[in-house]
Amino acid sequence: DWLQHLDYFAVDLNEEYSALFGGVLEEQ
């Protein structure tokens, strides 16, 4: 019986292999 609910949002990073290149991390 929570008084306030949670609104979930998610970021779509296009399933990129971000751990392999720092430049991708900066853009993300």
mmCIF file of all heavy atoms, coordinates in Angstrom:
data_MODEL
# 
_entry.id   MODEL 
# 
loop_
_atom_site.group_PDB 
_atom_site.id 
_atom_site.type_symbol 
_atom_site.label_atom_id 
_atom_site.label_alt_id 
_atom_site.label_comp_id 
_atom_site.label_asym_id 
_atom_site.label_entity_id 
_atom_site.label_seq_id 
_atom_site.pdbx_PDB_ins_code 
_atom_site.Cartn_x 
_atom_site.Cartn_y 
_atom_site.Cartn_z 
_atom_site.occupancy 
_atom_site.B_iso_or_equiv 
_atom_site.pdbx_formal_charge 
_atom_site.auth_seq_id 
_atom_site.auth_comp_id 
_atom_site.auth_asym_id 
_atom_site.auth_atom_id 
_atom_site.pdbx_PDB_model_num 
ATOM 1   N N   . ASP A 1 1  ? 0.815  -1.229 0.000   1.00 0.00 ? 1  ASP A N   1 
ATOM 2   C CA  . ASP A 1 1  ? 0.000  0.000  0.000   1.00 0.00 ? 1  ASP A CA  1 
ATOM 3   C C   . ASP A 1 1  ? 0.846  1.276  0.000   1.00 0.00 ? 1  ASP A C   1 
ATOM 4   O O   . ASP A 1 1  ? 0.619  2.193  0.792   1.00 0.00 ? 1  ASP A O   1 
ATOM 5   C CB  . ASP A 1 1  ? -0.960 0.009  1.197   1.00 0.00 ? 1  ASP A CB  1 
ATOM 6   C CG  . ASP A 1 1  ? -1.971 -1.111 1.121   1.00 0.00 ? 1  ASP A CG  1 
ATOM 7   O OD1 . ASP A 1 1  ? -2.409 -1.425 -0.005  1.00 0.00 ? 1  ASP A OD1 1 
ATOM 8   O OD2 . ASP A 1 1  ? -2.319 -1.679 2.171   1.00 0.00 ? 1  ASP A OD2 1 
ATOM 9   N N   . TRP A 1 2  ? 1.826  1.332  -0.877  1.00 0.00 ? 2  TRP A N   1 
ATOM 10  C CA  . TRP A 1 2  ? 2.669  2.520  -0.958  1.00 0.00 ? 2  TRP A CA  1 
ATOM 11  C C   . TRP A 1 2  ? 1.834  3.741  -1.290  1.00 0.00 ? 2  TRP A C   1 
ATOM 12  O O   . TRP A 1 2  ? 0.887  3.676  -2.075  1.00 0.00 ? 2  TRP A O   1 
ATOM 13  C CB  . TRP A 1 2  ? 3.743  2.356  -2.025  1.00 0.00 ? 2  TRP A CB  1 
ATOM 14  C CG  . TRP A 1 2  ? 4.870  1.466  -1.619  1.00 0.00 ? 2  TRP A CG  1 
ATOM 15  C CD1 . TRP A 1 2  ? 5.035  0.827  -0.428  1.00 0.00 ? 2  TRP A CD1 1 
ATOM 16  C CD2 . TRP A 1 2  ? 5.984  1.114  -2.420  1.00 0.00 ? 2  TRP A CD2 1 
ATOM 17  N NE1 . TRP A 1 2  ? 6.191  0.101  -0.421  1.00 0.00 ? 2  TRP A NE1 1 
ATOM 18  C CE2 . TRP A 1 2  ? 6.802  0.248  -1.637  1.00 0.00 ? 2  TRP A CE2 1 
ATOM 19  C CE3 . TRP A 1 2  ? 6.391  1.429  -3.698  1.00 0.00 ? 2  TRP A CE3 1 
ATOM 20  C CZ2 . TRP A 1 2  ? 7.988  -0.268 -2.113  1.00 0.00 ? 2  TRP A CZ2 1 
ATOM 21  C CZ3 . TRP A 1 2  ? 7.572  0.901  -4.173  1.00 0.00 ? 2  TRP A CZ3 1 
ATOM 22  C CH2 . TRP A 1 2  ? 8.362  0.064  -3.382  1.00 0.00 ? 2  TRP A CH2 1 
ATOM 23  N N   . LEU A 1 3  ? 2.207  4.863  -0.711  1.00 0.00 ? 3  LEU A N   1 
ATOM 24  C CA  . LEU A 1 3  ? 1.516  6.109  -1.004  1.00 0.00 ? 3  LEU A CA  1 
ATOM 25  C C   . LEU A 1 3  ? 1.975  6.700  -2.332  1.00 0.00 ? 3  LEU A C   1 
ATOM 26  O O   . LEU A 1 3  ? 1.229  7.409  -2.989  1.00 0.00 ? 3  LEU A O   1 
ATOM 27  C CB  . LEU A 1 3  ? 1.760  7.120  0.123   1.00 0.00 ? 3  LEU A CB  1 
ATOM 28  C CG  . LEU A 1 3  ? 1.217  6.712  1.488   1.00 0.00 ? 3  LEU A CG  1 
ATOM 29  C CD1 . LEU A 1 3  ? 1.613  7.744  2.541   1.00 0.00 ? 3  LEU A CD1 1 
ATOM 30  C CD2 . LEU A 1 3  ? -0.289 6.538  1.436   1.00 0.00 ? 3  LEU A CD2 1 
ATOM 31  N N   . GLN A 1 4  ? 3.198  6.427  -2.708  1.00 0.00 ? 4  GLN A N   1 
ATOM 32  C CA  . GLN A 1 4  ? 3.732  6.939  -3.966  1.00 0.00 ? 4  GLN A CA  1 
ATOM 33  C C   . GLN A 1 4  ? 4.288  5.778  -4.777  1.00 0.00 ? 4  GLN A C   1 
ATOM 34  O O   . GLN A 1 4  ? 4.978  4.911  -4.249  1.00 0.00 ? 4  GLN A O   1 
ATOM 35  C CB  . GLN A 1 4  ? 4.833  7.973  -3.730  1.00 0.00 ? 4  GLN A CB  1 
ATOM 36  C CG  . GLN A 1 4  ? 5.296  8.633  -5.018  1.00 0.00 ? 4  GLN A CG  1 
ATOM 37  C CD  . GLN A 1 4  ? 6.304  9.728  -4.757  1.00 0.00 ? 4  GLN A CD  1 
ATOM 38  O OE1 . GLN A 1 4  ? 6.970  9.753  -3.742  1.00 0.00 ? 4  GLN A OE1 1 
ATOM 39  N NE2 . GLN A 1 4  ? 6.419  10.643 -5.688  1.00 0.00 ? 4  GLN A NE2 1 
ATOM 40  N N   . HIS A 1 5  ? 3.980  5.775  -6.055  1.00 0.00 ? 5  HIS A N   1 
ATOM 41  C CA  . HIS A 1 5  ? 4.481  4.715  -6.920  1.00 0.00 ? 5  HIS A CA  1 
ATOM 42  C C   . HIS A 1 5  ? 5.789  5.147  -7.573  1.00 0.00 ? 5  HIS A C   1 
ATOM 43  O O   . HIS A 1 5  ? 6.226  6.280  -7.417  1.00 0.00 ? 5  HIS A O   1 
ATOM 44  C CB  . HIS A 1 5  ? 3.429  4.361  -7.982  1.00 0.00 ? 5  HIS A CB  1 
ATOM 45  C CG  . HIS A 1 5  ? 3.135  5.482  -8.913  1.00 0.00 ? 5  HIS A CG  1 
ATOM 46  N ND1 . HIS A 1 5  ? 2.263  6.495  -8.606  1.00 0.00 ? 5  HIS A ND1 1 
ATOM 47  C CD2 . HIS A 1 5  ? 3.613  5.774  -10.147 1.00 0.00 ? 5  HIS A CD2 1 
ATOM 48  C CE1 . HIS A 1 5  ? 2.219  7.356  -9.606  1.00 0.00 ? 5  HIS A CE1 1 
ATOM 49  N NE2 . HIS A 1 5  ? 3.031  6.940  -10.555 1.00 0.00 ? 5  HIS A NE2 1 
ATOM 50  N N   . LEU A 1 6  ? 6.387  4.234  -8.296  1.00 0.00 ? 6  LEU A N   1 
ATOM 51  C CA  . LEU A 1 6  ? 7.651  4.490  -8.977  1.00 0.00 ? 6  LEU A CA  1 
ATOM 52  C C   . LEU A 1 6  ? 7.414  4.537  -10.484 1.00 0.00 ? 6  LEU A C   1 
ATOM 53  O O   . LEU A 1 6  ? 6.701  3.706  -11.020 1.00 0.00 ? 6  LEU A O   1 
ATOM 54  C CB  . LEU A 1 6  ? 8.660  3.389  -8.644  1.00 0.00 ? 6  LEU A CB  1 
ATOM 55  C CG  . LEU A 1 6  ? 8.923  3.154  -7.158  1.00 0.00 ? 6  LEU A CG  1 
ATOM 56  C CD1 . LEU A 1 6  ? 9.801  1.918  -6.974  1.00 0.00 ? 6  LEU A CD1 1 
ATOM 57  C CD2 . LEU A 1 6  ? 9.554  4.360  -6.524  1.00 0.00 ? 6  LEU A CD2 1 
ATOM 58  N N   . ASP A 1 7  ? 8.006  5.518  -11.133 1.00 0.00 ? 7  ASP A N   1 
ATOM 59  C CA  . ASP A 1 7  ? 7.961  5.617  -12.595 1.00 0.00 ? 7  ASP A CA  1 
ATOM 60  C C   . ASP A 1 7  ? 9.320  5.182  -13.126 1.00 0.00 ? 7  ASP A C   1 
ATOM 61  O O   . ASP A 1 7  ? 10.332 5.847  -12.882 1.00 0.00 ? 7  ASP A O   1 
ATOM 62  C CB  . ASP A 1 7  ? 7.682  7.056  -13.051 1.00 0.00 ? 7  ASP A CB  1 
ATOM 63  C CG  . ASP A 1 7  ? 6.301  7.544  -12.682 1.00 0.00 ? 7  ASP A CG  1 
ATOM 64  O OD1 . ASP A 1 7  ? 5.369  6.716  -12.617 1.00 0.00 ? 7  ASP A OD1 1 
ATOM 65  O OD2 . ASP A 1 7  ? 6.146  8.759  -12.469 1.00 0.00 ? 7  ASP A OD2 1 
ATOM 66  N N   . TYR A 1 8  ? 9.354  4.064  -13.840 1.00 0.00 ? 8  TYR A N   1 
ATOM 67  C CA  . TYR A 1 8  ? 10.613 3.535  -14.379 1.00 0.00 ? 8  TYR A CA  1 
ATOM 68  C C   . TYR A 1 8  ? 10.843 4.030  -15.797 1.00 0.00 ? 8  TYR A C   1 
ATOM 69  O O   . TYR A 1 8  ? 9.946  3.987  -16.635 1.00 0.00 ? 8  TYR A O   1 
ATOM 70  C CB  . TYR A 1 8  ? 10.595 2.002  -14.384 1.00 0.00 ? 8  TYR A CB  1 
ATOM 71  C CG  . TYR A 1 8  ? 11.151 1.407  -13.126 1.00 0.00 ? 8  TYR A CG  1 
ATOM 72  C CD1 . TYR A 1 8  ? 10.367 1.278  -11.998 1.00 0.00 ? 8  TYR A CD1 1 
ATOM 73  C CD2 . TYR A 1 8  ? 12.478 0.989  -13.062 1.00 0.00 ? 8  TYR A CD2 1 
ATOM 74  C CE1 . TYR A 1 8  ? 10.886 0.739  -10.838 1.00 0.00 ? 8  TYR A CE1 1 
ATOM 75  C CE2 . TYR A 1 8  ? 13.001 0.448  -11.902 1.00 0.00 ? 8  TYR A CE2 1 
ATOM 76  C CZ  . TYR A 1 8  ? 12.198 0.326  -10.801 1.00 0.00 ? 8  TYR A CZ  1 
ATOM 77  O OH  . TYR A 1 8  ? 12.718 -0.213 -9.655  1.00 0.00 ? 8  TYR A OH  1 
ATOM 78  N N   . PHE A 1 9  ? 12.057 4.482  -16.036 1.00 0.00 ? 9  PHE A N   1 
ATOM 79  C CA  . PHE A 1 9  ? 12.521 4.873  -17.364 1.00 0.00 ? 9  PHE A CA  1 
ATOM 80  C C   . PHE A 1 9  ? 13.809 4.103  -17.621 1.00 0.00 ? 9  PHE A C   1 
ATOM 81  O O   . PHE A 1 9  ? 14.485 3.684  -16.689 1.00 0.00 ? 9  PHE A O   1 
ATOM 82  C CB  . PHE A 1 9  ? 12.803 6.381  -17.431 1.00 0.00 ? 9  PHE A CB  1 
ATOM 83  C CG  . PHE A 1 9  ? 11.614 7.232  -17.114 1.00 0.00 ? 9  PHE A CG  1 
ATOM 84  C CD1 . PHE A 1 9  ? 11.349 7.619  -15.812 1.00 0.00 ? 9  PHE A CD1 1 
ATOM 85  C CD2 . PHE A 1 9  ? 10.745 7.629  -18.111 1.00 0.00 ? 9  PHE A CD2 1 
ATOM 86  C CE1 . PHE A 1 9  ? 10.245 8.398  -15.502 1.00 0.00 ? 9  PHE A CE1 1 
ATOM 87  C CE2 . PHE A 1 9  ? 9.641  8.404  -17.817 1.00 0.00 ? 9  PHE A CE2 1 
ATOM 88  C CZ  . PHE A 1 9  ? 9.395  8.789  -16.510 1.00 0.00 ? 9  PHE A CZ  1 
ATOM 89  N N   . ALA A 1 10 ? 14.163 3.924  -18.879 1.00 0.00 ? 10 ALA A N   1 
ATOM 90  C CA  . ALA A 1 10 ? 15.403 3.220  -19.210 1.00 0.00 ? 10 ALA A CA  1 
ATOM 91  C C   . ALA A 1 10 ? 16.089 3.909  -20.385 1.00 0.00 ? 10 ALA A C   1 
ATOM 92  O O   . ALA A 1 10 ? 15.427 4.445  -21.278 1.00 0.00 ? 10 ALA A O   1 
ATOM 93  C CB  . ALA A 1 10 ? 15.113 1.761  -19.554 1.00 0.00 ? 10 ALA A CB  1 
ATOM 94  N N   . VAL A 1 11 ? 17.395 3.897  -20.363 1.00 0.00 ? 11 VAL A N   1 
ATOM 95  C CA  . VAL A 1 11 ? 18.194 4.452  -21.449 1.00 0.00 ? 11 VAL A CA  1 
ATOM 96  C C   . VAL A 1 11 ? 18.477 3.336  -22.449 1.00 0.00 ? 11 VAL A C   1 
ATOM 97  O O   . VAL A 1 11 ? 18.863 2.238  -22.070 1.00 0.00 ? 11 VAL A O   1 
ATOM 98  C CB  . VAL A 1 11 ? 19.520 5.032  -20.901 1.00 0.00 ? 11 VAL A CB  1 
ATOM 99  C CG1 . VAL A 1 11 ? 20.423 5.483  -22.027 1.00 0.00 ? 11 VAL A CG1 1 
ATOM 100 C CG2 . VAL A 1 11 ? 19.241 6.180  -19.958 1.00 0.00 ? 11 VAL A CG2 1 
ATOM 101 N N   . ASP A 1 12 ? 18.266 3.619  -23.720 1.00 0.00 ? 12 ASP A N   1 
ATOM 102 C CA  . ASP A 1 12 ? 18.572 2.654  -24.778 1.00 0.00 ? 12 ASP A CA  1 
ATOM 103 C C   . ASP A 1 12 ? 19.923 3.017  -25.378 1.00 0.00 ? 12 ASP A C   1 
ATOM 104 O O   . ASP A 1 12 ? 20.050 4.016  -26.089 1.00 0.00 ? 12 ASP A O   1 
ATOM 105 C CB  . ASP A 1 12 ? 17.473 2.682  -25.848 1.00 0.00 ? 12 ASP A CB  1 
ATOM 106 C CG  . ASP A 1 12 ? 17.680 1.646  -26.933 1.00 0.00 ? 12 ASP A CG  1 
ATOM 107 O OD1 . ASP A 1 12 ? 18.655 0.876  -26.863 1.00 0.00 ? 12 ASP A OD1 1 
ATOM 108 O OD2 . ASP A 1 12 ? 16.859 1.609  -27.869 1.00 0.00 ? 12 ASP A OD2 1 
ATOM 109 N N   . LEU A 1 13 ? 20.932 2.223  -25.088 1.00 0.00 ? 13 LEU A N   1 
ATOM 110 C CA  . LEU A 1 13 ? 22.285 2.468  -25.603 1.00 0.00 ? 13 LEU A CA  1 
ATOM 111 C C   . LEU A 1 13 ? 22.592 1.594  -26.816 1.00 0.00 ? 13 LEU A C   1 
ATOM 112 O O   . LEU A 1 13 ? 23.753 1.361  -27.153 1.00 0.00 ? 13 LEU A O   1 
ATOM 113 C CB  . LEU A 1 13 ? 23.314 2.245  -24.487 1.00 0.00 ? 13 LEU A CB  1 
ATOM 114 C CG  . LEU A 1 13 ? 23.160 3.167  -23.266 1.00 0.00 ? 13 LEU A CG  1 
ATOM 115 C CD1 . LEU A 1 13 ? 24.152 2.773  -22.169 1.00 0.00 ? 13 LEU A CD1 1 
ATOM 116 C CD2 . LEU A 1 13 ? 23.319 4.622  -23.648 1.00 0.00 ? 13 LEU A CD2 1 
ATOM 117 N N   . ASN A 1 14 ? 21.558 1.116  -27.474 1.00 0.00 ? 14 ASN A N   1 
ATOM 118 C CA  . ASN A 1 14 ? 21.681 0.324  -28.700 1.00 0.00 ? 14 ASN A CA  1 
ATOM 119 C C   . ASN A 1 14 ? 22.514 -0.941 -28.535 1.00 0.00 ? 14 ASN A C   1 
ATOM 120 O O   . ASN A 1 14 ? 23.132 -1.417 -29.486 1.00 0.00 ? 14 ASN A O   1 
ATOM 121 C CB  . ASN A 1 14 ? 22.236 1.165  -29.850 1.00 0.00 ? 14 ASN A CB  1 
ATOM 122 C CG  . ASN A 1 14 ? 21.317 2.273  -30.237 1.00 0.00 ? 14 ASN A CG  1 
ATOM 123 O OD1 . ASN A 1 14 ? 20.096 2.105  -30.268 1.00 0.00 ? 14 ASN A OD1 1 
ATOM 124 N ND2 . ASN A 1 14 ? 21.878 3.440  -30.529 1.00 0.00 ? 14 ASN A ND2 1 
ATOM 125 N N   . GLU A 1 15 ? 22.581 -1.456 -27.315 1.00 0.00 ? 15 GLU A N   1 
ATOM 126 C CA  . GLU A 1 15 ? 23.315 -2.683 -27.019 1.00 0.00 ? 15 GLU A CA  1 
ATOM 127 C C   . GLU A 1 15 ? 24.769 -2.634 -27.514 1.00 0.00 ? 15 GLU A C   1 
ATOM 128 O O   . GLU A 1 15 ? 25.339 -3.637 -27.943 1.00 0.00 ? 15 GLU A O   1 
ATOM 129 C CB  . GLU A 1 15 ? 22.570 -3.899 -27.578 1.00 0.00 ? 15 GLU A CB  1 
ATOM 130 C CG  . GLU A 1 15 ? 21.187 -4.052 -26.967 1.00 0.00 ? 15 GLU A CG  1 
ATOM 131 C CD  . GLU A 1 15 ? 20.400 -5.237 -27.485 1.00 0.00 ? 15 GLU A CD  1 
ATOM 132 O OE1 . GLU A 1 15 ? 21.001 -6.184 -28.011 1.00 0.00 ? 15 GLU A OE1 1 
ATOM 133 O OE2 . GLU A 1 15 ? 19.171 -5.212 -27.358 1.00 0.00 ? 15 GLU A OE2 1 
ATOM 134 N N   . GLU A 1 16 ? 25.356 -1.436 -27.449 1.00 0.00 ? 16 GLU A N   1 
ATOM 135 C CA  . GLU A 1 16 ? 26.739 -1.255 -27.882 1.00 0.00 ? 16 GLU A CA  1 
ATOM 136 C C   . GLU A 1 16 ? 27.713 -1.919 -26.910 1.00 0.00 ? 16 GLU A C   1 
ATOM 137 O O   . GLU A 1 16 ? 27.446 -2.035 -25.721 1.00 0.00 ? 16 GLU A O   1 
ATOM 138 C CB  . GLU A 1 16 ? 27.073 0.236  -27.982 1.00 0.00 ? 16 GLU A CB  1 
ATOM 139 C CG  . GLU A 1 16 ? 26.315 0.938  -29.079 1.00 0.00 ? 16 GLU A CG  1 
ATOM 140 C CD  . GLU A 1 16 ? 26.639 2.417  -29.131 1.00 0.00 ? 16 GLU A CD  1 
ATOM 141 O OE1 . GLU A 1 16 ? 26.618 3.066  -28.084 1.00 0.00 ? 16 GLU A OE1 1 
ATOM 142 O OE2 . GLU A 1 16 ? 26.910 2.907  -30.231 1.00 0.00 ? 16 GLU A OE2 1 
ATOM 143 N N   . TYR A 1 17 ? 28.853 -2.311 -27.431 1.00 0.00 ? 17 TYR A N   1 
ATOM 144 C CA  . TYR A 1 17 ? 29.919 -2.892 -26.617 1.00 0.00 ? 17 TYR A CA  1 
ATOM 145 C C   . TYR A 1 17 ? 30.734 -1.760 -25.992 1.00 0.00 ? 17 TYR A C   1 
ATOM 146 O O   . TYR A 1 17 ? 31.858 -1.498 -26.363 1.00 0.00 ? 17 TYR A O   1 
ATOM 147 C CB  . TYR A 1 17 ? 30.807 -3.801 -27.464 1.00 0.00 ? 17 TYR A CB  1 
ATOM 148 C CG  . TYR A 1 17 ? 30.092 -5.050 -27.916 1.00 0.00 ? 17 TYR A CG  1 
ATOM 149 C CD1 . TYR A 1 17 ? 29.597 -5.161 -29.207 1.00 0.00 ? 17 TYR A CD1 1 
ATOM 150 C CD2 . TYR A 1 17 ? 29.908 -6.111 -27.041 1.00 0.00 ? 17 TYR A CD2 1 
ATOM 151 C CE1 . TYR A 1 17 ? 28.925 -6.304 -29.615 1.00 0.00 ? 17 TYR A CE1 1 
ATOM 152 C CE2 . TYR A 1 17 ? 29.238 -7.258 -27.436 1.00 0.00 ? 17 TYR A CE2 1 
ATOM 153 C CZ  . TYR A 1 17 ? 28.757 -7.345 -28.723 1.00 0.00 ? 17 TYR A CZ  1 
ATOM 154 O OH  . TYR A 1 17 ? 28.100 -8.468 -29.113 1.00 0.00 ? 17 TYR A OH  1 
ATOM 155 N N   . SER A 1 18 ? 30.149 -1.107 -25.021 1.00 0.00 ? 18 SER A N   1 
ATOM 156 C CA  . SER A 1 18 ? 30.734 0.094  -24.444 1.00 0.00 ? 18 SER A CA  1 
ATOM 157 C C   . SER A 1 18 ? 31.977 -0.173 -23.604 1.00 0.00 ? 18 SER A C   1 
ATOM 158 O O   . SER A 1 18 ? 32.808 0.709  -23.438 1.00 0.00 ? 18 SER A O   1 
ATOM 159 C CB  . SER A 1 18 ? 29.690 0.828  -23.598 1.00 0.00 ? 18 SER A CB  1 
ATOM 160 O OG  . SER A 1 18 ? 29.136 -0.049 -22.646 1.00 0.00 ? 18 SER A OG  1 
ATOM 161 N N   . ALA A 1 19 ? 32.132 -1.354 -23.048 1.00 0.00 ? 19 ALA A N   1 
ATOM 162 C CA  . ALA A 1 19 ? 33.288 -1.638 -22.189 1.00 0.00 ? 19 ALA A CA  1 
ATOM 163 C C   . ALA A 1 19 ? 34.570 -1.792 -22.994 1.00 0.00 ? 19 ALA A C   1 
ATOM 164 O O   . ALA A 1 19 ? 35.648 -1.861 -22.423 1.00 0.00 ? 19 ALA A O   1 
ATOM 165 C CB  . ALA A 1 19 ? 33.031 -2.898 -21.370 1.00 0.00 ? 19 ALA A CB  1 
ATOM 166 N N   . LEU A 1 20 ? 34.472 -1.833 -24.312 1.00 0.00 ? 20 LEU A N   1 
ATOM 167 C CA  . LEU A 1 20 ? 35.640 -2.100 -25.142 1.00 0.00 ? 20 LEU A CA  1 
ATOM 168 C C   . LEU A 1 20 ? 36.326 -0.849 -25.674 1.00 0.00 ? 20 LEU A C   1 
ATOM 169 O O   . LEU A 1 20 ? 37.441 -0.926 -26.176 1.00 0.00 ? 20 LEU A O   1 
ATOM 170 C CB  . LEU A 1 20 ? 35.241 -2.994 -26.320 1.00 0.00 ? 20 LEU A CB  1 
ATOM 171 C CG  . LEU A 1 20 ? 34.575 -4.318 -25.930 1.00 0.00 ? 20 LEU A CG  1 
ATOM 172 C CD1 . LEU A 1 20 ? 34.163 -5.082 -27.165 1.00 0.00 ? 20 LEU A CD1 1 
ATOM 173 C CD2 . LEU A 1 20 ? 35.494 -5.153 -25.056 1.00 0.00 ? 20 LEU A CD2 1 
ATOM 174 N N   . PHE A 1 21 ? 35.664 0.324  -25.566 1.00 0.00 ? 21 PHE A N   1 
ATOM 175 C CA  . PHE A 1 21 ? 36.251 1.534  -26.127 1.00 0.00 ? 21 PHE A CA  1 
ATOM 176 C C   . PHE A 1 21 ? 35.783 2.744  -25.324 1.00 0.00 ? 21 PHE A C   1 
ATOM 177 O O   . PHE A 1 21 ? 34.584 2.989  -25.188 1.00 0.00 ? 21 PHE A O   1 
ATOM 178 C CB  . PHE A 1 21 ? 35.858 1.679  -27.597 1.00 0.00 ? 21 PHE A CB  1 
ATOM 179 C CG  . PHE A 1 21 ? 36.353 2.943  -28.230 1.00 0.00 ? 21 PHE A CG  1 
ATOM 180 C CD1 . PHE A 1 21 ? 37.711 3.213  -28.309 1.00 0.00 ? 21 PHE A CD1 1 
ATOM 181 C CD2 . PHE A 1 21 ? 35.472 3.864  -28.752 1.00 0.00 ? 21 PHE A CD2 1 
ATOM 182 C CE1 . PHE A 1 21 ? 38.168 4.381  -28.888 1.00 0.00 ? 21 PHE A CE1 1 
ATOM 183 C CE2 . PHE A 1 21 ? 35.923 5.028  -29.337 1.00 0.00 ? 21 PHE A CE2 1 
ATOM 184 C CZ  . PHE A 1 21 ? 37.283 5.291  -29.405 1.00 0.00 ? 21 PHE A CZ  1 
ATOM 185 N N   . GLY A 1 22 ? 36.737 3.487  -24.777 1.00 0.00 ? 22 GLY A N   1 
ATOM 186 C CA  . GLY A 1 22 ? 36.428 4.638  -23.934 1.00 0.00 ? 22 GLY A CA  1 
ATOM 187 C C   . GLY A 1 22 ? 35.646 5.736  -24.635 1.00 0.00 ? 22 GLY A C   1 
ATOM 188 O O   . GLY A 1 22 ? 34.872 6.443  -24.010 1.00 0.00 ? 22 GLY A O   1 
ATOM 189 N N   . GLY A 1 23 ? 35.841 5.891  -25.948 1.00 0.00 ? 23 GLY A N   1 
ATOM 190 C CA  . GLY A 1 23 ? 35.116 6.917  -26.693 1.00 0.00 ? 23 GLY A CA  1 
ATOM 191 C C   . GLY A 1 23 ? 33.614 6.691  -26.660 1.00 0.00 ? 23 GLY A C   1 
ATOM 192 O O   . GLY A 1 23 ? 32.826 7.642  -26.578 1.00 0.00 ? 23 GLY A O   1 
ATOM 193 N N   . VAL A 1 24 ? 33.224 5.442  -26.704 1.00 0.00 ? 24 VAL A N   1 
ATOM 194 C CA  . VAL A 1 24 ? 31.798 5.109  -26.622 1.00 0.00 ? 24 VAL A CA  1 
ATOM 195 C C   . VAL A 1 24 ? 31.267 5.488  -25.247 1.00 0.00 ? 24 VAL A C   1 
ATOM 196 O O   . VAL A 1 24 ? 30.168 6.029  -25.117 1.00 0.00 ? 24 VAL A O   1 
ATOM 197 C CB  . VAL A 1 24 ? 31.565 3.602  -26.901 1.00 0.00 ? 24 VAL A CB  1 
ATOM 198 C CG1 . VAL A 1 24 ? 30.129 3.208  -26.633 1.00 0.00 ? 24 VAL A CG1 1 
ATOM 199 C CG2 . VAL A 1 24 ? 31.947 3.262  -28.330 1.00 0.00 ? 24 VAL A CG2 1 
ATOM 200 N N   . LEU A 1 25 ? 32.055 5.236  -24.211 1.00 0.00 ? 25 LEU A N   1 
ATOM 201 C CA  . LEU A 1 25 ? 31.634 5.575  -22.848 1.00 0.00 ? 25 LEU A CA  1 
ATOM 202 C C   . LEU A 1 25 ? 31.393 7.073  -22.694 1.00 0.00 ? 25 LEU A C   1 
ATOM 203 O O   . LEU A 1 25 ? 30.441 7.491  -22.036 1.00 0.00 ? 25 LEU A O   1 
ATOM 204 C CB  . LEU A 1 25 ? 32.673 5.102  -21.831 1.00 0.00 ? 25 LEU A CB  1 
ATOM 205 C CG  . LEU A 1 25 ? 32.804 3.598  -21.659 1.00 0.00 ? 25 LEU A CG  1 
ATOM 206 C CD1 . LEU A 1 25 ? 33.969 3.266  -20.740 1.00 0.00 ? 25 LEU A CD1 1 
ATOM 207 C CD2 . LEU A 1 25 ? 31.515 3.008  -21.125 1.00 0.00 ? 25 LEU A CD2 1 
ATOM 208 N N   . GLU A 1 26 ? 32.246 7.885  -23.286 1.00 0.00 ? 26 GLU A N   1 
ATOM 209 C CA  . GLU A 1 26 ? 32.075 9.341  -23.218 1.00 0.00 ? 26 GLU A CA  1 
ATOM 210 C C   . GLU A 1 26 ? 30.748 9.768  -23.851 1.00 0.00 ? 26 GLU A C   1 
ATOM 211 O O   . GLU A 1 26 ? 30.006 10.561 -23.283 1.00 0.00 ? 26 GLU A O   1 
ATOM 212 C CB  . GLU A 1 26 ? 33.235 10.063 -23.924 1.00 0.00 ? 26 GLU A CB  1 
ATOM 213 C CG  . GLU A 1 26 ? 34.515 10.055 -23.166 1.00 0.00 ? 26 GLU A CG  1 
ATOM 214 C CD  . GLU A 1 26 ? 34.451 10.882 -21.887 1.00 0.00 ? 26 GLU A CD  1 
ATOM 215 O OE1 . GLU A 1 26 ? 33.775 11.932 -21.865 1.00 0.00 ? 26 GLU A OE1 1 
ATOM 216 O OE2 . GLU A 1 26 ? 35.084 10.455 -20.914 1.00 0.00 ? 26 GLU A OE2 1 
ATOM 217 N N   . GLU A 1 27 ? 30.478 9.233  -25.025 1.00 0.00 ? 27 GLU A N   1 
ATOM 218 C CA  . GLU A 1 27 ? 29.223 9.566  -25.714 1.00 0.00 ? 27 GLU A CA  1 
ATOM 219 C C   . GLU A 1 27 ? 28.010 9.078  -24.927 1.00 0.00 ? 27 GLU A C   1 
ATOM 220 O O   . GLU A 1 27 ? 26.991 9.765  -24.834 1.00 0.00 ? 27 GLU A O   1 
ATOM 221 C CB  . GLU A 1 27 ? 29.216 8.986  -27.132 1.00 0.00 ? 27 GLU A CB  1 
ATOM 222 C CG  . GLU A 1 27 ? 30.228 9.613  -28.062 1.00 0.00 ? 27 GLU A CG  1 
ATOM 223 C CD  . GLU A 1 27 ? 30.023 11.117 -28.205 1.00 0.00 ? 27 GLU A CD  1 
ATOM 224 O OE1 . GLU A 1 27 ? 28.873 11.560 -28.386 1.00 0.00 ? 27 GLU A OE1 1 
ATOM 225 O OE2 . GLU A 1 27 ? 31.030 11.852 -28.111 1.00 0.00 ? 27 GLU A OE2 1 
ATOM 226 N N   . GLN A 1 28 ? 28.108 7.892  -24.358 1.00 0.00 ? 28 GLN A N   1 
ATOM 227 C CA  . GLN A 1 28 ? 26.992 7.360  -23.579 1.00 0.00 ? 28 GLN A CA  1 
ATOM 228 C C   . GLN A 1 28 ? 26.760 8.190  -22.324 1.00 0.00 ? 28 GLN A C   1 
ATOM 229 O O   . GLN A 1 28 ? 25.613 8.429  -21.938 1.00 0.00 ? 28 GLN A O   1 
ATOM 230 C CB  . GLN A 1 28 ? 27.247 5.895  -23.222 1.00 0.00 ? 28 GLN A CB  1 
ATOM 231 C CG  . GLN A 1 28 ? 27.124 4.981  -24.415 1.00 0.00 ? 28 GLN A CG  1 
ATOM 232 C CD  . GLN A 1 28 ? 27.425 3.530  -24.082 1.00 0.00 ? 28 GLN A CD  1 
ATOM 233 O OE1 . GLN A 1 28 ? 28.012 3.219  -23.057 1.00 0.00 ? 28 GLN A OE1 1 
ATOM 234 N NE2 . GLN A 1 28 ? 27.016 2.639  -24.970 1.00 0.00 ? 28 GLN A NE2 1 
# 
